[in-house]
Amino acid sequence: MKLRILARYSLLFLVVCAPAFCQSSETTSSLSCWDSHHGGTFQTRHARTPVAKSSRGSAYAEVIAEASNSGEAQFCKNTVQVFFAKDGTNYKVAYEKAGLDDEGVGIRVLGWSQNGSKLLMETSVWGYDLDRDVSKSALLLDAGTADVKELPLADAFERVFGKDCEFDSSVIGWQGDERVLIRVAKTPPTTRYQQTFCVEKPTIYSFNLKEGRIQTGKP
């Protein structure tokens, strides 16, 4: 199965920073070293999400897109960090993901489970100099242990769809405390390879955290 994610470049927390170095939290999913996908000023940029609070702790994410030059060539490399504090004050790094050279990494913080024990997030990885698809991963931060783990969505969907098909997926959010909702849609057409689609229209699936299984449709 091919999880081909074709995305085109997702309680206030006050930040004091230089102009053009900080950007709004909305850009943490797709921050780059340029003003836009069409170019613009090339420089190191920073973005931070709002603080997500629950009865078990607080967390936020930061993204840095680091600009560098080699002669006339421009390179951009992203790093994502997730900070967590049980007391809402003493934040420590709970997760970090650095892109390879000239690789972008972004993150969306989707919120806590209803009981406040787990924080749902989604990371995205893309290449700046390559025409390649964006790869997404769903993450859970456990407030009890401060550990972050990736949900095995690829394996779960392979048991539903089989190996030789592709789809575009995005994490939507929580359904209770033990289920995560994922939107699956058909990928855009391409001439780069022979496509086999898993779905023909957008469908909501529910991933059961305890069982590690996918259920069709939103109950």
N, C-alpha and C. Protein backbone atom coordinates (compact mmCIF):
# COMPACT_ATOMS: atom_id res chain seq x y z
N MET A 1 0.84 -1.19 0.00
CA MET A 1 0.00 0.00 0.00
C MET A 1 0.87 1.24 0.00
N LYS A 2 0.49 2.23 -0.74
CA LYS A 2 1.25 3.48 -0.81
C LYS A 2 0.45 4.58 -0.12
N LEU A 3 0.98 5.11 0.96
CA LEU A 3 0.36 6.27 1.59
C LEU A 3 0.97 7.49 0.94
N ARG A 4 0.40 7.94 -0.13
CA ARG A 4 0.95 9.07 -0.86
C ARG A 4 0.17 10.32 -0.45
N ILE A 5 0.79 11.16 0.34
CA ILE A 5 0.11 12.32 0.87
C ILE A 5 0.53 13.54 0.05
N LEU A 6 -0.33 13.99 -0.82
CA LEU A 6 0.03 15.10 -1.71
C LEU A 6 -0.57 16.38 -1.15
N ALA A 7 0.18 17.05 -0.33
CA ALA A 7 -0.27 18.31 0.25
C ALA A 7 0.53 19.44 -0.35
N ARG A 8 -0.10 20.59 -0.53
CA ARG A 8 0.61 21.75 -1.05
C ARG A 8 0.86 22.69 0.13
N TYR A 9 2.06 22.93 0.14
CA TYR A 9 2.47 23.86 1.09
C TYR A 9 1.84 25.22 0.61
N SER A 10 -0.52 22.65 9.21
CA SER A 10 -1.08 22.64 9.93
C SER A 10 -0.70 22.01 10.31
N LEU A 11 -5.91 30.38 24.63
CA LEU A 11 -4.68 30.11 25.34
C LEU A 11 -3.52 30.75 24.61
N LEU A 12 -3.20 31.78 24.32
CA LEU A 12 -2.18 32.46 23.57
C LEU A 12 -0.84 32.34 24.26
N PHE A 13 0.19 32.21 23.45
CA PHE A 13 1.55 32.13 23.98
C PHE A 13 2.32 33.31 23.40
N LEU A 14 2.75 34.24 24.23
CA LEU A 14 3.38 35.46 23.76
C LEU A 14 4.84 35.21 23.47
N VAL A 15 5.31 35.75 22.33
CA VAL A 15 6.69 35.59 21.92
C VAL A 15 7.26 36.94 21.54
N VAL A 16 8.45 37.26 22.05
CA VAL A 16 9.12 38.48 21.64
C VAL A 16 10.21 38.10 20.66
N CYS A 17 10.20 38.67 19.43
CA CYS A 17 11.14 38.24 18.41
C CYS A 17 11.34 39.34 17.40
N ALA A 18 12.36 39.17 16.58
CA ALA A 18 12.66 40.15 15.54
C ALA A 18 11.64 40.04 14.42
N PRO A 19 11.34 41.15 13.73
CA PRO A 19 10.42 41.11 12.59
C PRO A 19 10.89 40.09 11.55
N ALA A 20 9.93 39.36 10.97
CA ALA A 20 10.17 38.38 9.91
C ALA A 20 10.81 37.11 10.43
N PHE A 21 11.23 37.07 11.72
CA PHE A 21 11.77 35.81 12.24
C PHE A 21 10.64 34.95 12.78
N CYS A 22 9.65 35.55 13.41
CA CYS A 22 8.50 34.81 13.91
C CYS A 22 7.34 34.92 12.94
N GLN A 23 6.56 33.85 12.86
CA GLN A 23 5.36 33.84 12.05
C GLN A 23 4.22 33.28 12.88
N SER A 24 3.01 33.39 12.40
CA SER A 24 1.86 32.92 13.15
C SER A 24 1.89 31.41 13.29
N SER A 25 1.14 30.92 14.30
CA SER A 25 1.12 29.49 14.58
C SER A 25 0.52 28.69 13.43
N GLU A 26 -0.24 29.35 12.56
CA GLU A 26 -0.88 28.64 11.45
C GLU A 26 0.15 28.09 10.47
N THR A 27 1.37 28.60 10.50
CA THR A 27 2.37 28.17 9.54
C THR A 27 3.22 27.00 10.04
N THR A 28 2.99 26.49 11.23
CA THR A 28 3.83 25.41 11.75
C THR A 28 3.72 24.14 10.91
N SER A 29 2.66 24.00 10.15
CA SER A 29 2.50 22.80 9.33
C SER A 29 3.24 22.90 8.01
N SER A 30 3.64 24.13 7.61
CA SER A 30 4.24 24.29 6.29
C SER A 30 5.27 25.41 6.24
N LEU A 31 5.92 25.70 7.35
CA LEU A 31 6.89 26.79 7.41
C LEU A 31 8.07 26.54 6.47
N SER A 32 8.52 27.58 5.78
CA SER A 32 9.69 27.47 4.92
C SER A 32 10.56 28.71 5.08
N CYS A 33 11.69 28.74 4.41
CA CYS A 33 12.62 29.88 4.48
C CYS A 33 12.24 31.01 3.53
N TRP A 34 11.21 30.80 2.73
CA TRP A 34 10.77 31.81 1.76
C TRP A 34 9.43 32.41 2.17
N ASP A 35 9.12 33.58 1.62
CA ASP A 35 7.85 34.23 1.93
C ASP A 35 6.66 33.41 1.46
N SER A 36 6.82 32.72 0.33
CA SER A 36 5.73 31.94 -0.24
C SER A 36 6.32 30.81 -1.07
N HIS A 37 5.45 29.98 -1.61
CA HIS A 37 5.91 28.88 -2.46
C HIS A 37 6.48 29.39 -3.77
N HIS A 38 6.22 30.63 -4.07
CA HIS A 38 6.70 31.21 -5.31
C HIS A 38 8.01 31.97 -5.12
N GLY A 39 8.54 31.96 -3.88
CA GLY A 39 9.81 32.62 -3.63
C GLY A 39 9.67 33.75 -2.63
N GLY A 40 10.44 34.82 -2.82
CA GLY A 40 10.41 35.94 -1.89
C GLY A 40 11.68 35.97 -1.04
N THR A 41 11.65 36.72 0.03
CA THR A 41 12.81 36.87 0.90
C THR A 41 13.22 35.52 1.49
N PHE A 42 14.51 35.23 1.41
CA PHE A 42 15.06 33.96 1.89
C PHE A 42 15.76 34.21 3.21
N GLN A 43 15.26 33.61 4.30
CA GLN A 43 15.86 33.80 5.62
C GLN A 43 15.35 32.74 6.59
N THR A 44 16.05 32.59 7.70
CA THR A 44 15.62 31.67 8.75
C THR A 44 14.32 32.18 9.36
N ARG A 45 13.38 31.26 9.56
CA ARG A 45 12.07 31.64 10.10
C ARG A 45 11.66 30.70 11.23
N HIS A 46 10.76 31.19 12.05
CA HIS A 46 10.35 30.47 13.26
C HIS A 46 8.84 30.56 13.41
N ALA A 47 8.21 29.48 13.88
CA ALA A 47 6.77 29.50 14.15
C ALA A 47 6.49 28.67 15.39
N ARG A 48 5.45 29.05 16.11
CA ARG A 48 5.08 28.36 17.34
C ARG A 48 3.57 28.22 17.41
N THR A 49 3.10 27.08 17.87
CA THR A 49 1.66 26.87 18.03
C THR A 49 1.19 27.50 19.34
N PRO A 50 -0.11 27.72 19.46
CA PRO A 50 -0.66 28.08 20.78
C PRO A 50 -0.42 26.94 21.77
N VAL A 51 -0.47 27.24 23.04
CA VAL A 51 -0.34 26.22 24.08
C VAL A 51 -1.64 25.42 24.17
N ALA A 52 -1.51 24.10 24.13
CA ALA A 52 -2.66 23.21 24.30
C ALA A 52 -2.67 22.73 25.76
N LYS A 53 -3.73 23.06 26.49
CA LYS A 53 -3.78 22.78 27.92
C LYS A 53 -4.81 21.70 28.24
N SER A 54 -4.49 20.87 29.22
CA SER A 54 -5.43 19.89 29.75
C SER A 54 -5.22 19.79 31.25
N SER A 55 -6.02 18.96 31.90
CA SER A 55 -5.88 18.77 33.35
C SER A 55 -4.60 18.01 33.70
N ARG A 56 -3.97 17.39 32.69
CA ARG A 56 -2.77 16.59 32.94
C ARG A 56 -1.48 17.32 32.55
N GLY A 57 -1.60 18.48 31.91
CA GLY A 57 -0.39 19.18 31.50
C GLY A 57 -0.64 20.10 30.32
N SER A 58 0.43 20.74 29.85
CA SER A 58 0.35 21.68 28.74
C SER A 58 1.47 21.39 27.74
N ALA A 59 1.20 21.71 26.47
CA ALA A 59 2.20 21.44 25.44
C ALA A 59 2.06 22.44 24.30
N TYR A 60 3.14 22.65 23.59
CA TYR A 60 3.13 23.45 22.37
C TYR A 60 4.25 22.96 21.47
N ALA A 61 4.23 23.37 20.22
CA ALA A 61 5.25 22.95 19.25
C ALA A 61 5.90 24.16 18.62
N GLU A 62 7.15 23.99 18.26
CA GLU A 62 7.90 25.03 17.56
C GLU A 62 8.52 24.44 16.30
N VAL A 63 8.61 25.27 15.26
CA VAL A 63 9.27 24.88 14.02
C VAL A 63 10.27 25.96 13.65
N ILE A 64 11.48 25.54 13.29
CA ILE A 64 12.49 26.46 12.77
C ILE A 64 12.85 26.00 11.37
N ALA A 65 12.75 26.93 10.42
CA ALA A 65 13.22 26.69 9.06
C ALA A 65 14.54 27.44 8.92
N GLU A 66 15.64 26.70 8.89
CA GLU A 66 16.98 27.28 8.91
C GLU A 66 17.50 27.50 7.50
N ALA A 67 17.80 28.73 7.17
CA ALA A 67 18.29 29.08 5.84
C ALA A 67 19.82 29.05 5.81
N SER A 68 20.37 28.53 4.71
CA SER A 68 21.82 28.51 4.53
C SER A 68 22.13 28.64 3.04
N ASN A 69 23.35 29.06 2.74
CA ASN A 69 23.78 29.25 1.36
C ASN A 69 25.07 28.50 1.09
N SER A 70 25.18 28.02 -0.14
CA SER A 70 26.43 27.44 -0.63
C SER A 70 26.66 28.04 -2.02
N GLY A 71 27.47 29.10 -2.07
CA GLY A 71 27.59 29.84 -3.32
C GLY A 71 26.28 30.53 -3.61
N GLU A 72 25.74 30.32 -4.80
CA GLU A 72 24.46 30.91 -5.16
C GLU A 72 23.29 30.02 -4.79
N ALA A 73 23.57 28.79 -4.36
CA ALA A 73 22.50 27.85 -4.01
C ALA A 73 21.93 28.18 -2.63
N GLN A 74 20.62 28.06 -2.49
CA GLN A 74 19.93 28.29 -1.23
C GLN A 74 19.39 26.97 -0.69
N PHE A 75 19.57 26.74 0.60
CA PHE A 75 19.11 25.51 1.23
C PHE A 75 18.27 25.85 2.46
N CYS A 76 17.23 25.04 2.68
CA CYS A 76 16.34 25.25 3.82
C CYS A 76 16.13 23.91 4.52
N LYS A 77 16.31 23.90 5.83
CA LYS A 77 16.17 22.68 6.61
C LYS A 77 15.30 22.97 7.84
N ASN A 78 14.27 22.17 8.03
CA ASN A 78 13.34 22.39 9.14
C ASN A 78 13.62 21.46 10.31
N THR A 79 13.32 21.96 11.50
CA THR A 79 13.36 21.15 12.71
C THR A 79 12.09 21.43 13.52
N VAL A 80 11.44 20.36 13.99
CA VAL A 80 10.24 20.46 14.82
C VAL A 80 10.57 20.01 16.23
N GLN A 81 10.08 20.75 17.22
CA GLN A 81 10.20 20.35 18.61
C GLN A 81 8.84 20.50 19.29
N VAL A 82 8.52 19.54 20.17
CA VAL A 82 7.31 19.59 20.99
C VAL A 82 7.74 19.73 22.45
N PHE A 83 7.18 20.71 23.13
CA PHE A 83 7.51 20.97 24.54
C PHE A 83 6.32 20.62 25.41
N PHE A 84 6.60 19.99 26.56
CA PHE A 84 5.53 19.54 27.46
C PHE A 84 5.90 19.88 28.90
N ALA A 85 4.89 20.28 29.68
CA ALA A 85 5.07 20.56 31.11
C ALA A 85 3.85 20.08 31.87
N LYS A 86 4.05 19.22 32.84
CA LYS A 86 2.92 18.75 33.65
C LYS A 86 2.35 19.87 34.50
N ASP A 87 3.24 20.80 34.93
CA ASP A 87 2.78 21.89 35.78
C ASP A 87 2.44 23.15 35.00
N GLY A 88 2.57 23.08 33.67
CA GLY A 88 2.26 24.23 32.85
C GLY A 88 3.30 25.33 32.90
N THR A 89 4.44 25.04 33.52
CA THR A 89 5.49 26.06 33.68
C THR A 89 6.85 25.60 33.19
N ASN A 90 7.29 24.46 33.69
CA ASN A 90 8.63 23.96 33.40
C ASN A 90 8.62 23.07 32.16
N TYR A 91 8.65 23.71 30.99
CA TYR A 91 8.56 22.98 29.74
C TYR A 91 9.89 22.32 29.37
N LYS A 92 9.79 21.08 28.89
CA LYS A 92 10.95 20.35 28.41
C LYS A 92 10.63 19.73 27.05
N VAL A 93 11.65 19.48 26.26
CA VAL A 93 11.45 18.89 24.93
C VAL A 93 10.99 17.44 25.09
N ALA A 94 9.82 17.14 24.54
CA ALA A 94 9.30 15.77 24.58
C ALA A 94 9.49 15.05 23.25
N TYR A 95 9.69 15.82 22.18
CA TYR A 95 9.82 15.23 20.85
C TYR A 95 10.58 16.20 19.97
N GLU A 96 11.43 15.64 19.11
CA GLU A 96 12.15 16.46 18.14
C GLU A 96 12.32 15.68 16.84
N LYS A 97 12.10 16.37 15.75
CA LYS A 97 12.31 15.76 14.43
C LYS A 97 12.99 16.77 13.53
N ALA A 98 14.18 16.43 13.05
CA ALA A 98 14.92 17.32 12.16
C ALA A 98 14.89 16.74 10.76
N GLY A 99 14.66 17.61 9.79
CA GLY A 99 14.68 17.17 8.41
C GLY A 99 16.10 16.94 7.93
N LEU A 100 16.22 16.23 6.84
CA LEU A 100 17.53 16.08 6.20
C LEU A 100 17.89 17.40 5.52
N ASP A 101 19.05 17.47 4.91
CA ASP A 101 19.44 18.69 4.21
C ASP A 101 18.40 19.03 3.14
N ASP A 102 17.94 20.26 3.14
CA ASP A 102 16.95 20.75 2.18
C ASP A 102 15.64 19.97 2.26
N GLU A 103 15.23 19.67 3.51
CA GLU A 103 13.98 18.94 3.73
C GLU A 103 13.12 19.70 4.73
N GLY A 104 11.85 19.83 4.42
CA GLY A 104 10.92 20.52 5.31
C GLY A 104 10.22 19.56 6.25
N VAL A 105 9.95 20.03 7.45
CA VAL A 105 9.18 19.28 8.44
C VAL A 105 8.20 20.25 9.09
N GLY A 106 6.94 19.85 9.20
CA GLY A 106 5.93 20.69 9.83
C GLY A 106 5.12 19.90 10.83
N ILE A 107 4.28 20.60 11.61
CA ILE A 107 3.49 19.91 12.62
C ILE A 107 2.17 20.64 12.85
N ARG A 108 1.12 19.85 13.12
CA ARG A 108 -0.16 20.38 13.58
C ARG A 108 -0.46 19.78 14.95
N VAL A 109 -0.86 20.62 15.90
CA VAL A 109 -1.29 20.14 17.22
C VAL A 109 -2.81 20.12 17.21
N LEU A 110 -3.39 18.93 17.32
CA LEU A 110 -4.83 18.75 17.11
C LEU A 110 -5.65 18.69 18.39
N GLY A 111 -4.99 18.63 19.54
CA GLY A 111 -5.74 18.71 20.79
C GLY A 111 -5.65 17.47 21.66
N TRP A 112 -6.10 17.64 22.90
CA TRP A 112 -6.07 16.58 23.90
C TRP A 112 -7.30 15.68 23.79
N SER A 113 -7.15 14.45 24.22
CA SER A 113 -8.30 13.55 24.35
C SER A 113 -9.24 14.11 25.42
N GLN A 114 -10.46 13.62 25.49
CA GLN A 114 -11.45 14.18 26.41
C GLN A 114 -11.01 14.09 27.86
N ASN A 115 -10.29 13.03 28.22
CA ASN A 115 -9.82 12.90 29.60
C ASN A 115 -8.50 13.61 29.85
N GLY A 116 -7.96 14.25 28.82
CA GLY A 116 -6.75 15.05 28.98
C GLY A 116 -5.47 14.27 29.12
N SER A 117 -5.48 12.98 28.80
CA SER A 117 -4.30 12.15 29.02
C SER A 117 -3.38 12.04 27.82
N LYS A 118 -3.90 12.32 26.60
CA LYS A 118 -3.11 12.14 25.38
C LYS A 118 -3.31 13.33 24.44
N LEU A 119 -2.21 13.81 23.88
CA LEU A 119 -2.25 14.92 22.93
C LEU A 119 -2.01 14.39 21.52
N LEU A 120 -2.91 14.72 20.60
CA LEU A 120 -2.82 14.26 19.22
C LEU A 120 -2.14 15.32 18.35
N MET A 121 -1.20 14.86 17.52
CA MET A 121 -0.46 15.75 16.61
C MET A 121 -0.27 15.06 15.27
N GLU A 122 0.08 15.84 14.26
CA GLU A 122 0.39 15.29 12.94
C GLU A 122 1.59 16.02 12.37
N THR A 123 2.61 15.28 11.97
CA THR A 123 3.78 15.87 11.33
C THR A 123 3.73 15.66 9.82
N SER A 124 4.39 16.55 9.10
CA SER A 124 4.51 16.46 7.65
C SER A 124 5.97 16.61 7.27
N VAL A 125 6.41 15.84 6.27
CA VAL A 125 7.79 15.92 5.78
C VAL A 125 7.75 16.05 4.27
N TRP A 126 8.53 17.00 3.73
CA TRP A 126 8.58 17.19 2.28
C TRP A 126 9.98 17.61 1.86
N GLY A 127 10.25 17.50 0.57
CA GLY A 127 11.54 17.92 0.04
C GLY A 127 11.41 19.27 -0.65
N TYR A 128 12.37 20.16 -0.39
CA TYR A 128 12.33 21.48 -1.02
C TYR A 128 12.79 21.43 -2.48
N ASP A 129 13.74 20.55 -2.78
CA ASP A 129 14.30 20.55 -4.13
C ASP A 129 13.83 19.37 -4.96
N LEU A 130 12.86 18.61 -4.47
CA LEU A 130 12.40 17.43 -5.19
C LEU A 130 10.89 17.49 -5.40
N ASP A 131 10.43 16.97 -6.52
CA ASP A 131 9.00 16.88 -6.80
C ASP A 131 8.50 15.58 -6.19
N ARG A 132 8.29 15.60 -4.89
CA ARG A 132 7.87 14.39 -4.21
C ARG A 132 6.67 14.67 -3.32
N ASP A 133 5.99 13.62 -2.93
CA ASP A 133 4.80 13.76 -2.11
C ASP A 133 5.18 14.10 -0.67
N VAL A 134 4.22 14.65 0.05
CA VAL A 134 4.40 14.95 1.46
C VAL A 134 4.03 13.71 2.27
N SER A 135 4.88 13.35 3.21
CA SER A 135 4.64 12.19 4.07
C SER A 135 4.15 12.67 5.43
N LYS A 136 3.01 12.13 5.87
CA LYS A 136 2.43 12.55 7.15
C LYS A 136 2.46 11.40 8.16
N SER A 137 2.57 11.78 9.43
CA SER A 137 2.56 10.81 10.52
C SER A 137 1.72 11.36 11.67
N ALA A 138 0.94 10.48 12.31
CA ALA A 138 0.15 10.86 13.48
C ALA A 138 0.92 10.51 14.74
N LEU A 139 0.96 11.44 15.69
CA LEU A 139 1.72 11.25 16.93
C LEU A 139 0.81 11.41 18.14
N LEU A 140 1.16 10.70 19.22
CA LEU A 140 0.47 10.85 20.50
C LEU A 140 1.49 11.17 21.59
N LEU A 141 1.22 12.21 22.37
CA LEU A 141 2.01 12.51 23.55
C LEU A 141 1.25 12.04 24.76
N ASP A 142 1.86 11.17 25.56
CA ASP A 142 1.25 10.64 26.77
C ASP A 142 1.60 11.56 27.94
N ALA A 143 0.58 12.17 28.55
CA ALA A 143 0.83 13.12 29.64
C ALA A 143 1.41 12.44 30.88
N GLY A 144 1.14 11.16 31.06
CA GLY A 144 1.66 10.46 32.22
C GLY A 144 3.14 10.20 32.16
N THR A 145 3.65 9.89 30.96
CA THR A 145 5.06 9.53 30.81
C THR A 145 5.86 10.59 30.06
N ALA A 146 5.17 11.54 29.41
CA ALA A 146 5.80 12.56 28.56
C ALA A 146 6.45 11.95 27.33
N ASP A 147 6.09 10.71 27.01
CA ASP A 147 6.62 10.05 25.82
C ASP A 147 5.74 10.36 24.60
N VAL A 148 6.37 10.40 23.43
CA VAL A 148 5.65 10.61 22.17
C VAL A 148 5.86 9.38 21.29
N LYS A 149 4.78 8.86 20.74
CA LYS A 149 4.88 7.70 19.85
C LYS A 149 4.09 7.94 18.59
N GLU A 150 4.51 7.29 17.51
CA GLU A 150 3.81 7.39 16.24
C GLU A 150 2.73 6.31 16.15
N LEU A 151 1.56 6.68 15.69
CA LEU A 151 0.49 5.71 15.51
C LEU A 151 0.76 4.87 14.27
N PRO A 152 0.54 3.56 14.34
CA PRO A 152 0.83 2.67 13.20
C PRO A 152 -0.29 2.69 12.15
N LEU A 153 -0.57 3.85 11.60
CA LEU A 153 -1.69 3.98 10.67
C LEU A 153 -1.41 3.26 9.35
N ALA A 154 -0.16 3.28 8.89
CA ALA A 154 0.17 2.62 7.62
C ALA A 154 -0.16 1.13 7.67
N ASP A 155 0.24 0.47 8.74
CA ASP A 155 -0.04 -0.97 8.88
C ASP A 155 -1.55 -1.22 9.02
N ALA A 156 -2.23 -0.34 9.76
CA ALA A 156 -3.67 -0.52 9.98
C ALA A 156 -4.44 -0.36 8.67
N PHE A 157 -4.08 0.64 7.87
CA PHE A 157 -4.77 0.84 6.59
C PHE A 157 -4.41 -0.24 5.58
N GLU A 158 -3.21 -0.78 5.67
CA GLU A 158 -2.83 -1.86 4.76
C GLU A 158 -3.70 -3.09 4.98
N ARG A 159 -4.11 -3.33 6.22
CA ARG A 159 -4.99 -4.46 6.50
C ARG A 159 -6.39 -4.22 5.95
N VAL A 160 -6.76 -2.95 5.73
CA VAL A 160 -8.07 -2.62 5.18
C VAL A 160 -8.03 -2.59 3.66
N PHE A 161 -7.02 -1.92 3.09
CA PHE A 161 -6.97 -1.67 1.65
C PHE A 161 -6.10 -2.66 0.88
N GLY A 162 -5.17 -3.32 1.55
CA GLY A 162 -4.17 -4.11 0.84
C GLY A 162 -2.93 -3.26 0.57
N LYS A 163 -1.97 -3.83 -0.15
CA LYS A 163 -0.68 -3.18 -0.33
C LYS A 163 -0.58 -2.27 -1.55
N ASP A 164 -1.28 -2.59 -2.61
CA ASP A 164 -1.03 -1.92 -3.88
C ASP A 164 -2.06 -0.87 -4.24
N CYS A 165 -2.27 0.08 -3.34
CA CYS A 165 -3.14 1.21 -3.66
C CYS A 165 -2.68 2.41 -2.85
N GLU A 166 -3.18 3.58 -3.25
CA GLU A 166 -2.72 4.80 -2.60
C GLU A 166 -3.89 5.69 -2.23
N PHE A 167 -3.64 6.60 -1.27
CA PHE A 167 -4.67 7.53 -0.83
C PHE A 167 -4.02 8.72 -0.14
N ASP A 168 -4.80 9.76 -0.02
CA ASP A 168 -4.39 10.97 0.68
C ASP A 168 -5.11 10.98 2.02
N SER A 169 -4.37 11.12 3.13
CA SER A 169 -5.00 11.07 4.44
C SER A 169 -4.59 12.27 5.29
N SER A 170 -5.50 12.65 6.19
CA SER A 170 -5.25 13.72 7.15
C SER A 170 -5.94 13.37 8.45
N VAL A 171 -5.25 13.58 9.56
CA VAL A 171 -5.84 13.34 10.87
C VAL A 171 -6.81 14.48 11.18
N ILE A 172 -8.02 14.13 11.61
CA ILE A 172 -9.05 15.13 11.91
C ILE A 172 -9.04 15.52 13.38
N GLY A 173 -9.04 14.51 14.26
CA GLY A 173 -9.10 14.79 15.69
C GLY A 173 -9.59 13.58 16.47
N TRP A 174 -10.10 13.84 17.65
CA TRP A 174 -10.50 12.78 18.57
C TRP A 174 -11.97 12.40 18.42
N GLN A 175 -12.22 11.15 18.75
CA GLN A 175 -13.57 10.66 18.98
C GLN A 175 -13.53 9.94 20.32
N GLY A 176 -13.86 10.66 21.38
CA GLY A 176 -13.71 10.09 22.72
C GLY A 176 -12.25 10.09 23.15
N ASP A 177 -11.88 9.08 23.94
CA ASP A 177 -10.52 8.99 24.46
C ASP A 177 -9.66 7.94 23.77
N GLU A 178 -10.26 7.03 23.03
CA GLU A 178 -9.51 5.90 22.48
C GLU A 178 -9.65 5.75 20.98
N ARG A 179 -10.21 6.75 20.30
CA ARG A 179 -10.34 6.67 18.85
C ARG A 179 -9.90 7.98 18.21
N VAL A 180 -9.20 7.84 17.08
CA VAL A 180 -8.73 8.98 16.32
C VAL A 180 -9.38 8.93 14.94
N LEU A 181 -9.91 10.06 14.48
CA LEU A 181 -10.58 10.12 13.19
C LEU A 181 -9.60 10.57 12.10
N ILE A 182 -9.64 9.87 10.97
CA ILE A 182 -8.77 10.16 9.84
C ILE A 182 -9.61 10.30 8.58
N ARG A 183 -9.37 11.36 7.84
CA ARG A 183 -10.05 11.56 6.56
C ARG A 183 -9.18 11.00 5.45
N VAL A 184 -9.76 10.13 4.65
CA VAL A 184 -9.05 9.51 3.53
C VAL A 184 -9.73 9.93 2.23
N ALA A 185 -8.92 10.37 1.26
CA ALA A 185 -9.46 10.82 -0.02
C ALA A 185 -8.60 10.30 -1.16
N LYS A 186 -9.12 10.43 -2.36
CA LYS A 186 -8.39 10.02 -3.56
C LYS A 186 -7.26 11.01 -3.84
N THR A 187 -6.11 10.49 -4.22
CA THR A 187 -4.98 11.36 -4.56
C THR A 187 -5.18 11.98 -5.94
N PRO A 188 -4.60 13.14 -6.17
CA PRO A 188 -4.70 13.77 -7.49
C PRO A 188 -4.02 12.91 -8.55
N PRO A 189 -4.43 12.99 -9.80
CA PRO A 189 -3.83 12.18 -10.86
C PRO A 189 -2.41 12.65 -11.17
N THR A 190 -1.57 11.73 -11.61
CA THR A 190 -0.20 12.05 -12.00
C THR A 190 0.21 11.15 -13.15
N THR A 191 1.16 11.61 -13.94
CA THR A 191 1.68 10.81 -15.04
C THR A 191 3.04 10.21 -14.70
N ARG A 192 3.49 10.42 -13.46
CA ARG A 192 4.82 9.94 -13.08
C ARG A 192 4.85 8.43 -12.86
N TYR A 193 3.70 7.81 -12.61
CA TYR A 193 3.65 6.37 -12.35
C TYR A 193 2.20 5.91 -12.54
N GLN A 194 2.03 4.60 -12.55
CA GLN A 194 0.70 4.01 -12.68
C GLN A 194 0.01 4.02 -11.32
N GLN A 195 -1.13 4.67 -11.22
CA GLN A 195 -1.82 4.80 -9.95
C GLN A 195 -2.90 3.73 -9.77
N THR A 196 -3.02 3.25 -8.55
CA THR A 196 -4.11 2.37 -8.13
C THR A 196 -4.71 2.98 -6.88
N PHE A 197 -5.98 3.37 -6.94
CA PHE A 197 -6.58 4.12 -5.85
C PHE A 197 -7.28 3.21 -4.84
N CYS A 198 -7.20 3.61 -3.56
CA CYS A 198 -7.89 2.87 -2.50
C CYS A 198 -9.34 3.34 -2.34
N VAL A 199 -9.58 4.63 -2.59
CA VAL A 199 -10.91 5.20 -2.40
C VAL A 199 -11.26 6.09 -3.59
N GLU A 200 -12.53 6.29 -3.83
CA GLU A 200 -13.00 7.15 -4.91
C GLU A 200 -13.57 8.46 -4.38
N LYS A 201 -13.97 8.50 -3.14
CA LYS A 201 -14.52 9.71 -2.56
C LYS A 201 -14.05 9.82 -1.10
N PRO A 202 -14.02 11.03 -0.54
CA PRO A 202 -13.56 11.21 0.84
C PRO A 202 -14.38 10.37 1.82
N THR A 203 -13.67 9.72 2.72
CA THR A 203 -14.30 8.84 3.71
C THR A 203 -13.62 9.05 5.06
N ILE A 204 -14.42 9.03 6.12
CA ILE A 204 -13.88 9.16 7.47
C ILE A 204 -13.69 7.77 8.07
N TYR A 205 -12.49 7.53 8.59
CA TYR A 205 -12.18 6.28 9.26
C TYR A 205 -11.83 6.56 10.72
N SER A 206 -12.06 5.57 11.56
CA SER A 206 -11.77 5.68 12.98
C SER A 206 -10.69 4.66 13.35
N PHE A 207 -9.61 5.14 13.96
CA PHE A 207 -8.53 4.26 14.40
C PHE A 207 -8.66 4.02 15.89
N ASN A 208 -8.80 2.73 16.27
CA ASN A 208 -8.93 2.34 17.67
C ASN A 208 -7.55 2.19 18.29
N LEU A 209 -7.23 3.03 19.28
CA LEU A 209 -5.90 3.01 19.86
C LEU A 209 -5.60 1.71 20.60
N LYS A 210 -6.57 1.18 21.31
CA LYS A 210 -6.34 -0.05 22.08
C LYS A 210 -6.17 -1.26 21.17
N GLU A 211 -6.98 -1.33 20.12
CA GLU A 211 -6.95 -2.50 19.25
C GLU A 211 -6.00 -2.33 18.06
N GLY A 212 -5.62 -1.11 17.75
CA GLY A 212 -4.76 -0.88 16.61
C GLY A 212 -5.44 -1.18 15.30
N ARG A 213 -6.75 -0.99 15.25
CA ARG A 213 -7.52 -1.34 14.06
C ARG A 213 -8.24 -0.12 13.50
N ILE A 214 -8.53 -0.17 12.19
CA ILE A 214 -9.29 0.85 11.48
C ILE A 214 -10.74 0.40 11.37
N GLN A 215 -11.66 1.32 11.63
CA GLN A 215 -13.08 1.08 11.41
C GLN A 215 -13.58 2.04 10.36
N THR A 216 -14.42 1.56 9.45
CA THR A 216 -14.92 2.38 8.37
C THR A 216 -16.03 3.29 8.84
N GLY A 217 -15.94 4.53 8.42
CA GLY A 217 -17.03 5.48 8.69
C GLY A 217 -17.02 6.04 10.09
N LYS A 218 -17.61 7.21 10.22
CA LYS A 218 -17.73 7.87 11.53
C LYS A 218 -19.01 7.39 12.20
N PRO A 219 -18.88 6.69 13.33
CA PRO A 219 -20.08 6.15 14.01
C PRO A 219 -21.03 7.25 14.44
